[in-house]
C-alpha cells in the first residue's frame, strides 16, 4: 500500500486512462491522450451535469456499460496507482494574471474530476484531489488578481479542500481530513462564501462523530446558515447532514426537524438555481430517502427506516459500490432491529460483495459493526454464510 500512496507504483496501461477519459468526459489532452471520439471539432468541454449522482445522464452513454467500466476502473486504479498519476487541471492563465474566466474554467474542470468520487474510494482519489488543492494554493500565492477574482479563487480552494478532505476521511486518514476541513473553512470565510463555510462545519461534524457535543454544536451552526441560503441544493445538503449528526446524538426530534427542512428545500422553487455543483447531488429524492433511512436506523426505529432504504436501494446503481455498500449496511441493521435476521444477513452479504474492491475504510468499518450484531444468530444459515466471508480490511489487502 505504501508504494501506491507514495507514487512508486506507476500506471502502465493506456486503456485505463482511456476509460477515465471516456467515463468522465475528460478531454484527451488532459490525460496526455489523443482527442477522444466524443470530442467535437471545437474541443468543447461538456459542462458537468447537475442532476442526481445516482443516475448517469443519457449523454454519458449506456448506464450498464458505464457501470461495468467503472467497476473495472476501480480495480484498475488500485492495481496501477493511476489516481496518483493523473495529470492535474490545466492552468490557463495569461502571464501571472488570473481572471474570472480562468476560475470558472478551473471550477468546471474540477467538477468533472469530482465525479470520480461517485465510483471510487478515497484511497484512490485523495492524491489527485490534494494535488489540485496544492496547485490552487500556489496560484493564490503567486498570481495577480482583481479583488473579486481572488475571492472567487479562494472559494474554489475551499471547495477543493473539502473534496480532498472527504477523500481522506473516506480512506480513514483523519489527520489529513481535519487539516483540509479547517483550511476549507478559513478560505470560505475569507471568500465570504457562507454556504461553503457551513459545509466545512458539517463535514467536520461528521468526522467528530460519535463524539457528539462538539459535532452537534457545529451542526447547529451549519443549519443556521442553511436557513439563510438562497440555494435549495445547499439547504437540502446541509439539513440532511445535520439530521445525521442529530440522529447519532440520539436527538430524534431535531433529526426529524432537519429531515423536514431538507424535504421542504427539495420541493421549493429554485429562483437562483439549485446551487453550486458541490451541493446539487443532494437535491434528489433518492438521497433524501437514504439519509432518512439511515437516521431512523441509527435511532432504532425500523418501521420508518426499512421502507425508505428499500425504496432507495431499488433505484441505486451498483456502480456506486462504496455508497451502496454503506447504505445496505444500514438497511441490514434496520432489518435486524425489526427481527428480520435472514433479511439482515442478505443485505449485509450484498454490501460485502460491493465493498470488496473499493479503496474506502468506511464500508469495512460499518460491516464490522453489522457482523458483530449478527454473531449471536450464527445458527441461521444466511448469517453463518456471511460470517464465513468476514473480510480483512480492503486497504490492508492492497498493501
Protein backbone atom coordinates (compact mmCIF):
# COMPACT_ATOMS: atom_id res chain seq x y z
CA UNK A 1 0.00 0.00 0.00
CA UNK A 2 2.81 2.44 0.80
CA UNK A 3 4.27 2.01 -2.71
CA UNK A 4 0.88 3.05 -4.06
CA UNK A 5 0.44 6.02 -1.72
CA UNK A 6 3.99 7.29 -2.27
CA UNK A 7 3.67 7.06 -6.03
CA UNK A 8 6.30 4.35 -6.51
CA UNK A 9 3.76 2.22 -8.38
CA UNK A 10 3.13 3.76 -11.80
CA UNK A 11 0.22 3.39 -14.23
CA UNK A 12 1.28 1.36 -17.25
CA UNK A 13 -1.89 0.57 -19.20
CA UNK A 14 -3.20 3.27 -21.51
CA UNK A 15 -6.64 1.65 -21.64
CA UNK A 16 -7.26 2.66 -18.01
CA UNK A 17 -6.51 6.28 -18.89
CA UNK A 18 -8.93 5.93 -21.80
CA UNK A 19 -11.69 4.59 -19.54
CA UNK A 20 -11.21 7.55 -17.22
CA UNK A 21 -11.43 9.98 -20.12
CA UNK A 22 -14.45 8.34 -21.72
CA UNK A 23 -16.30 7.57 -18.49
CA UNK A 24 -15.96 11.10 -17.13
CA UNK A 25 -15.83 13.03 -20.44
CA UNK A 26 -12.39 14.40 -19.63
CA UNK A 27 -10.77 15.68 -22.85
CA UNK A 28 -7.92 13.50 -24.02
CA UNK A 29 -5.39 16.32 -23.78
CA UNK A 30 -5.83 16.42 -20.00
CA UNK A 31 -4.62 12.81 -19.76
CA UNK A 32 -1.96 13.00 -22.49
CA UNK A 33 -4.18 11.08 -24.92
CA UNK A 34 -5.32 11.75 -28.44
CA UNK A 35 -8.69 13.53 -28.71
CA UNK A 36 -11.47 11.14 -27.78
CA UNK A 37 -14.10 10.12 -30.32
CA UNK A 38 -16.84 12.06 -28.49
CA UNK A 39 -14.92 15.35 -28.53
CA UNK A 40 -16.22 17.92 -31.00
CA UNK A 41 -14.12 19.70 -33.55
CA UNK A 42 -14.15 22.77 -31.34
CA UNK A 43 -12.89 20.73 -28.39
CA UNK A 44 -15.83 21.98 -26.31
CA UNK A 45 -15.74 20.77 -22.71
CA UNK A 46 -19.18 19.45 -21.73
CA UNK A 47 -20.49 21.08 -18.54
CA UNK A 48 -20.88 18.88 -15.50
CA UNK A 49 -24.43 17.60 -15.14
CA UNK A 50 -26.16 18.94 -12.07
CA UNK A 51 -28.61 16.08 -11.74
CA UNK A 52 -28.56 13.15 -9.35
CA UNK A 53 -25.22 11.43 -8.96
CA UNK A 54 -27.09 8.16 -8.72
CA UNK A 55 -28.15 8.07 -12.36
CA UNK A 56 -25.84 8.80 -15.34
CA UNK A 57 -27.33 11.12 -17.94
CA UNK A 58 -28.21 9.79 -21.38
CA UNK A 59 -25.29 11.65 -22.95
CA UNK A 60 -22.90 9.79 -20.68
CA UNK A 61 -23.79 6.59 -22.56
CA UNK A 62 -25.46 3.34 -21.65
CA UNK A 63 -25.65 3.12 -17.83
CA UNK A 64 -24.94 -0.61 -17.92
CA UNK A 65 -21.77 -0.02 -19.92
CA UNK A 66 -20.66 2.76 -17.59
CA UNK A 67 -21.36 0.57 -14.57
CA UNK A 68 -19.19 -2.21 -15.96
CA UNK A 69 -16.41 0.18 -16.94
CA UNK A 70 -16.36 1.92 -13.58
CA UNK A 71 -16.28 -1.39 -11.72
CA UNK A 72 -13.26 -2.35 -13.84
CA UNK A 73 -11.79 1.12 -13.37
CA UNK A 74 -11.86 0.80 -9.58
CA UNK A 75 -9.80 -2.38 -9.70
CA UNK A 76 -7.52 -0.91 -12.35
CA UNK A 77 -6.78 2.21 -10.34
CA UNK A 78 -5.97 0.17 -7.27
CA UNK A 79 -3.62 -2.06 -9.23
CA UNK A 80 -1.79 0.68 -11.10
CA UNK A 81 -1.89 3.71 -8.87
CA UNK A 82 -3.46 5.74 -11.66
CA UNK A 83 -5.23 8.07 -9.26
CA UNK A 84 -1.85 9.27 -8.06
CA UNK A 85 -0.60 9.79 -11.60
CA UNK A 86 -3.42 11.59 -13.41
CA UNK A 87 -2.29 14.97 -14.73
CA UNK A 88 -3.72 17.95 -12.93
CA UNK A 89 -6.05 20.59 -14.22
CA UNK A 90 -4.72 22.89 -16.90
CA UNK A 91 -3.67 26.30 -15.66
CA UNK A 92 -4.92 28.72 -18.29
CA UNK A 93 -3.52 31.99 -17.08
CA UNK A 94 -2.28 34.95 -19.05
CA UNK A 95 1.18 35.64 -17.71
CA UNK A 96 0.77 35.80 -13.97
CA UNK A 97 -2.80 37.06 -14.16
CA UNK A 98 -5.87 35.07 -13.06
CA UNK A 99 -9.27 36.31 -14.19
CA UNK A 100 -12.85 35.25 -13.60
CA UNK A 101 -12.96 33.13 -16.76
CA UNK A 102 -9.95 31.16 -15.56
CA UNK A 103 -11.55 30.42 -12.21
CA UNK A 104 -14.80 29.38 -13.89
CA UNK A 105 -12.92 27.02 -16.20
CA UNK A 106 -10.95 25.50 -13.35
CA UNK A 107 -14.13 25.01 -11.33
CA UNK A 108 -15.87 23.26 -14.25
CA UNK A 109 -12.86 21.00 -14.81
CA UNK A 110 -12.68 20.08 -11.14
CA UNK A 111 -16.39 19.30 -11.23
CA UNK A 112 -15.65 16.53 -13.72
CA UNK A 113 -12.91 15.16 -11.52
CA UNK A 114 -15.27 15.24 -8.54
CA UNK A 115 -17.37 12.60 -10.24
CA UNK A 116 -14.61 10.08 -9.59
CA UNK A 117 -15.85 10.03 -6.00
CA UNK A 118 -19.14 8.54 -7.19
CA UNK A 119 -17.35 5.35 -8.19
CA UNK A 120 -14.05 5.13 -6.31
CA UNK A 121 -12.86 5.15 -2.73
CA UNK A 122 -10.90 7.92 -1.08
CA UNK A 123 -7.61 5.99 -1.09
CA UNK A 124 -7.81 6.03 -4.91
CA UNK A 125 -8.77 9.71 -5.28
CA UNK A 126 -7.07 11.54 -2.42
CA UNK A 127 -3.73 12.24 -4.12
CA UNK A 128 -5.49 13.54 -7.22
CA UNK A 129 -7.70 15.95 -5.28
CA UNK A 130 -4.91 17.04 -2.94
CA UNK A 131 -2.65 17.83 -5.90
CA UNK A 132 -5.29 20.22 -7.18
CA UNK A 133 -5.54 21.87 -3.76
CA UNK A 134 -1.79 22.47 -3.87
CA UNK A 135 -1.95 23.96 -7.37
CA UNK A 136 -4.68 26.39 -6.40
CA UNK A 137 -2.77 27.29 -3.26
CA UNK A 138 0.25 28.10 -5.44
CA UNK A 139 -1.91 30.30 -7.67
CA UNK A 140 -3.23 32.19 -4.66
CA UNK A 141 0.32 32.88 -3.52
CA UNK A 142 1.90 33.77 -6.86
CA UNK A 143 -0.71 35.11 -9.28
CA UNK A 144 -2.15 38.60 -9.53
CA UNK A 145 -5.90 39.28 -9.31
CA UNK A 146 -8.60 41.81 -9.19
CA UNK A 147 -10.26 41.66 -5.77
CA UNK A 148 -13.39 39.71 -6.82
CA UNK A 149 -11.27 37.21 -8.77
CA UNK A 150 -9.14 36.44 -5.73
CA UNK A 151 -12.32 35.93 -3.73
CA UNK A 152 -13.59 33.50 -6.35
CA UNK A 153 -10.31 31.57 -6.32
CA UNK A 154 -10.40 31.39 -2.51
CA UNK A 155 -13.90 29.95 -2.75
CA UNK A 156 -12.67 27.42 -5.29
CA UNK A 157 -9.79 26.49 -2.99
CA UNK A 158 -12.30 25.90 -0.17
CA UNK A 159 -14.35 23.67 -2.46
CA UNK A 160 -11.29 21.63 -3.49
CA UNK A 161 -10.07 21.31 0.09
CA UNK A 162 -13.45 19.91 1.12
CA UNK A 163 -13.32 17.32 -1.65
CA UNK A 164 -9.77 16.30 -0.73
CA UNK A 165 -10.74 16.22 2.94
CA UNK A 166 -13.69 13.99 2.16
CA UNK A 167 -11.43 11.58 0.27
CA UNK A 168 -9.02 11.49 3.21
CA UNK A 169 -11.92 10.88 5.60
CA UNK A 170 -13.20 8.09 3.38
CA UNK A 171 -9.76 6.49 3.33
CA UNK A 172 -9.52 6.67 7.13
CA UNK A 173 -6.79 9.34 7.14
CA UNK A 174 -8.34 11.62 9.75
CA UNK A 175 -5.43 13.99 10.40
CA UNK A 176 -5.35 14.95 6.74
CA UNK A 177 -9.13 15.33 6.65
CA UNK A 178 -9.14 17.59 9.72
CA UNK A 179 -6.43 19.81 8.27
CA UNK A 180 -8.23 20.17 4.95
CA UNK A 181 -11.63 20.85 6.50
CA UNK A 182 -10.13 23.57 8.66
CA UNK A 183 -8.31 25.12 5.70
CA UNK A 184 -11.52 25.00 3.72
CA UNK A 185 -13.46 26.74 6.47
CA UNK A 186 -10.92 29.55 6.74
CA UNK A 187 -10.77 30.02 2.97
CA UNK A 188 -14.57 30.03 2.69
CA UNK A 189 -14.80 32.69 5.39
CA UNK A 190 -12.16 34.79 3.66
CA UNK A 191 -14.11 34.43 0.39
CA UNK A 192 -17.36 35.35 2.17
CA UNK A 193 -18.82 32.07 0.89
CA UNK A 194 -21.11 31.22 3.79
CA UNK A 195 -22.57 28.13 2.11
CA UNK A 196 -19.15 26.53 1.72
CA UNK A 197 -18.22 27.54 5.26
CA UNK A 198 -21.35 25.80 6.54
CA UNK A 199 -20.49 22.67 4.58
CA UNK A 200 -17.00 22.65 6.08
CA UNK A 201 -18.60 22.69 9.53
CA UNK A 202 -20.97 19.88 8.55
CA UNK A 203 -18.13 17.74 7.20
CA UNK A 204 -16.05 18.33 10.31
CA UNK A 205 -19.03 17.35 12.48
CA UNK A 206 -19.26 14.07 10.56
CA UNK A 207 -15.64 13.39 11.32
CA UNK A 208 -16.08 14.07 15.04
CA UNK A 209 -18.85 11.51 15.43
CA UNK A 210 -19.59 9.51 17.56
CA UNK A 211 -18.33 12.20 19.99
CA UNK A 212 -21.41 14.35 19.76
CA UNK A 213 -21.09 17.53 21.86
CA UNK A 214 -18.81 19.47 19.52
CA UNK A 215 -20.34 17.80 16.46
CA UNK A 216 -23.84 18.94 17.43
CA UNK A 217 -22.59 22.46 18.08
CA UNK A 218 -21.03 22.61 14.61
CA UNK A 219 -24.20 21.18 13.11
CA UNK A 220 -26.35 23.79 14.85
CA UNK A 221 -24.19 26.49 13.25
CA UNK A 222 -24.35 24.78 9.86
CA UNK A 223 -28.15 24.51 9.98
CA UNK A 224 -28.43 28.18 10.97
CA UNK A 225 -26.53 29.09 7.83
CA UNK A 226 -28.63 26.67 5.77
CA UNK A 227 -31.76 28.55 6.77
CA UNK A 228 -30.40 31.68 5.08
CA UNK A 229 -29.08 30.06 1.89
CA UNK A 230 -30.78 31.05 -1.35
CA UNK A 231 -29.95 27.70 -2.96
CA UNK A 232 -32.32 24.74 -2.38
CA UNK A 233 -29.50 22.28 -3.11
CA UNK A 234 -27.34 23.79 -0.37
CA UNK A 235 -30.25 23.83 2.07
CA UNK A 236 -31.09 20.21 1.35
CA UNK A 237 -27.48 19.07 1.72
CA UNK A 238 -26.82 20.90 4.98
CA UNK A 239 -30.09 19.84 6.58
CA UNK A 240 -29.53 16.23 5.55
CA UNK A 241 -26.07 16.24 7.08
CA UNK A 242 -27.46 17.95 10.15
CA UNK A 243 -30.15 15.29 10.51
CA UNK A 244 -27.50 12.60 10.57
CA UNK A 245 -25.49 14.27 13.32
CA UNK A 246 -28.62 14.76 15.40
CA UNK A 247 -29.59 11.12 14.90
CA UNK A 248 -26.19 9.85 16.02
CA UNK A 249 -26.52 12.12 19.05
CA UNK A 250 -29.87 10.48 19.84
CA UNK A 251 -31.79 13.71 19.29
CA UNK A 252 -34.79 12.28 17.44
CA UNK A 253 -36.84 15.48 17.44
CA UNK A 254 -34.05 17.57 15.94
CA UNK A 255 -33.27 14.84 13.40
CA UNK A 256 -36.92 14.77 12.32
CA UNK A 257 -36.95 18.59 12.12
CA UNK A 258 -33.83 18.65 9.91
CA UNK A 259 -35.25 15.95 7.63
CA UNK A 260 -38.42 18.03 7.29
CA UNK A 261 -36.38 21.09 6.36
CA UNK A 262 -34.43 19.07 3.80
CA UNK A 263 -37.67 17.85 2.25
CA UNK A 264 -39.05 21.38 2.13
CA UNK A 265 -35.92 22.53 0.32
CA UNK A 266 -36.30 19.65 -2.12
CA UNK A 267 -39.70 20.84 -3.32
CA UNK A 268 -39.02 24.58 -3.16
CA UNK A 269 -38.68 26.81 -6.19
CA UNK A 270 -35.14 27.47 -7.34
CA UNK A 271 -35.27 31.16 -8.07
CA UNK A 272 -31.48 31.49 -8.09
CA UNK A 273 -30.68 27.96 -9.21
CA UNK A 274 -30.47 24.79 -7.16
CA UNK A 275 -26.94 25.60 -6.08
CA UNK A 276 -23.26 25.03 -6.85
CA UNK A 277 -22.06 21.74 -8.29
CA UNK A 278 -20.64 20.54 -4.97
CA UNK A 279 -24.12 20.63 -3.41
CA UNK A 280 -26.71 19.76 -6.01
CA UNK A 281 -26.21 15.98 -5.77
CA UNK A 282 -28.18 16.12 -2.51
CA UNK A 283 -31.13 17.86 -4.18
CA UNK A 284 -32.58 14.48 -5.05
CA UNK A 285 -35.45 12.41 -3.62
CA UNK A 286 -33.36 9.24 -3.51
CA UNK A 287 -30.67 10.91 -1.43
CA UNK A 288 -33.32 12.16 0.98
CA UNK A 289 -34.75 8.64 1.28
CA UNK A 290 -31.28 7.33 2.08
CA UNK A 291 -30.48 9.81 4.82
CA UNK A 292 -33.99 9.37 6.23
CA UNK A 293 -33.49 5.62 6.44
CA UNK A 294 -30.03 5.99 7.93
CA UNK A 295 -31.27 8.40 10.59
CA UNK A 296 -34.18 6.20 11.67
CA UNK A 297 -31.86 3.16 11.69
CA UNK A 298 -29.49 4.98 14.00
CA UNK A 299 -32.45 5.87 16.22
CA UNK A 300 -33.61 2.20 16.18
CA UNK A 301 -36.94 2.87 14.51
CA UNK A 302 -37.00 0.18 11.82
CA UNK A 303 -40.62 0.71 10.78
CA UNK A 304 -39.55 4.11 9.46
CA UNK A 305 -36.07 3.09 8.31
CA UNK A 306 -36.74 -0.04 6.27
CA UNK A 307 -39.27 1.38 3.74
CA UNK A 308 -37.07 4.41 3.00
CA UNK A 309 -33.90 2.36 2.49
CA UNK A 310 -35.62 -0.39 0.50
CA UNK A 311 -37.11 2.17 -1.89
CA UNK A 312 -33.78 3.97 -2.32
CA UNK A 313 -31.73 0.80 -2.85
CA UNK A 314 -34.13 -0.34 -5.58
CA UNK A 315 -33.07 2.74 -7.57
CA UNK A 316 -29.40 2.95 -6.60
CA UNK A 317 -26.96 1.66 -9.19
CA UNK A 318 -24.32 -0.90 -8.22
CA UNK A 319 -21.61 1.18 -9.93
CA UNK A 320 -21.75 3.43 -6.85
CA UNK A 321 -20.29 0.50 -4.97
CA UNK A 322 -18.93 2.23 -1.87
CA UNK A 323 -22.05 4.24 -1.18
CA UNK A 324 -24.44 1.40 -1.90
CA UNK A 325 -22.46 -0.92 0.37
CA UNK A 326 -22.68 1.65 3.16
CA UNK A 327 -26.41 2.17 2.72
CA UNK A 328 -27.07 -1.57 2.61
CA UNK A 329 -25.24 -1.88 5.92
CA UNK A 330 -27.81 0.44 7.49
CA UNK A 331 -30.63 -1.50 5.85
CA UNK A 332 -29.14 -4.65 7.35
CA UNK A 333 -29.18 -3.10 10.82
CA UNK A 334 -32.74 -1.87 10.38
CA UNK A 335 -33.85 -5.37 9.42
CA UNK A 336 -32.10 -6.73 12.49
CA UNK A 337 -33.86 -4.21 14.73
CA UNK A 338 -37.12 -5.42 13.18
CA UNK A 339 -36.27 -9.05 13.99
CA UNK A 340 -35.70 -10.00 10.33
CA UNK A 341 -32.38 -11.81 10.76
CA UNK A 342 -32.34 -13.52 7.36
CA UNK A 343 -33.09 -10.26 5.54
CA UNK A 344 -30.37 -8.57 7.58
CA UNK A 345 -27.76 -11.14 6.60
CA UNK A 346 -28.80 -10.98 2.95
CA UNK A 347 -28.42 -7.20 2.83
CA UNK A 348 -25.03 -7.40 4.57
CA UNK A 349 -23.87 -10.06 2.11
CA UNK A 350 -24.78 -7.79 -0.80
CA UNK A 351 -22.88 -4.94 0.87
CA UNK A 352 -19.85 -7.15 1.38
CA UNK A 353 -19.71 -8.04 -2.29
CA UNK A 354 -19.98 -4.42 -3.40
CA UNK A 355 -17.29 -3.26 -0.97
CA UNK A 356 -14.76 -5.91 -1.94
CA UNK A 357 -12.75 -3.78 -4.40
CA UNK A 358 -13.41 -0.29 -3.04
CA UNK A 359 -10.48 1.64 -1.55
CA UNK A 360 -12.50 3.04 1.34
CA UNK A 361 -12.26 2.38 5.05
CA UNK A 362 -15.89 3.12 5.82
CA UNK A 363 -17.72 0.07 4.35
CA UNK A 364 -15.44 -2.28 6.27
CA UNK A 365 -15.99 -0.34 9.48
CA UNK A 366 -19.75 -0.42 9.01
CA UNK A 367 -19.84 -4.11 8.11
CA UNK A 368 -17.76 -4.96 11.16
CA UNK A 369 -20.48 -3.39 13.31
CA UNK A 370 -23.22 -5.29 11.48
CA UNK A 371 -21.41 -8.61 11.68
CA UNK A 372 -20.81 -8.19 15.38
CA UNK A 373 -24.54 -7.69 15.88
CA UNK A 374 -25.28 -10.78 13.79
CA UNK A 375 -22.87 -13.08 15.62
CA UNK A 376 -25.47 -14.25 18.19
CA UNK A 377 -27.53 -15.57 15.25
CA UNK A 378 -24.92 -17.91 13.77
CA UNK A 379 -27.42 -20.75 13.77
CA UNK A 380 -29.23 -19.01 10.92
CA UNK A 381 -27.69 -20.31 7.64
CA UNK A 382 -27.59 -16.88 5.98
CA UNK A 383 -25.70 -15.47 8.96
CA UNK A 384 -23.26 -18.37 9.06
CA UNK A 385 -22.51 -17.91 5.36
CA UNK A 386 -21.95 -14.20 5.86
CA UNK A 387 -19.64 -14.60 8.84
CA UNK A 388 -17.59 -17.18 6.94
CA UNK A 389 -16.79 -14.41 4.45
CA UNK A 390 -15.63 -11.97 7.12
CA UNK A 391 -13.08 -9.89 5.21
CA UNK A 392 -9.80 -8.31 6.02
CA UNK A 393 -9.58 -4.55 5.76
CA UNK A 394 -9.62 -3.98 1.94
CA UNK A 395 -6.93 -1.33 2.28
CA UNK A 396 -4.68 -3.81 4.09
CA UNK A 397 -5.26 -6.39 1.38
CA UNK A 398 -3.83 -3.95 -1.15
CA UNK A 399 -0.62 -3.33 0.79
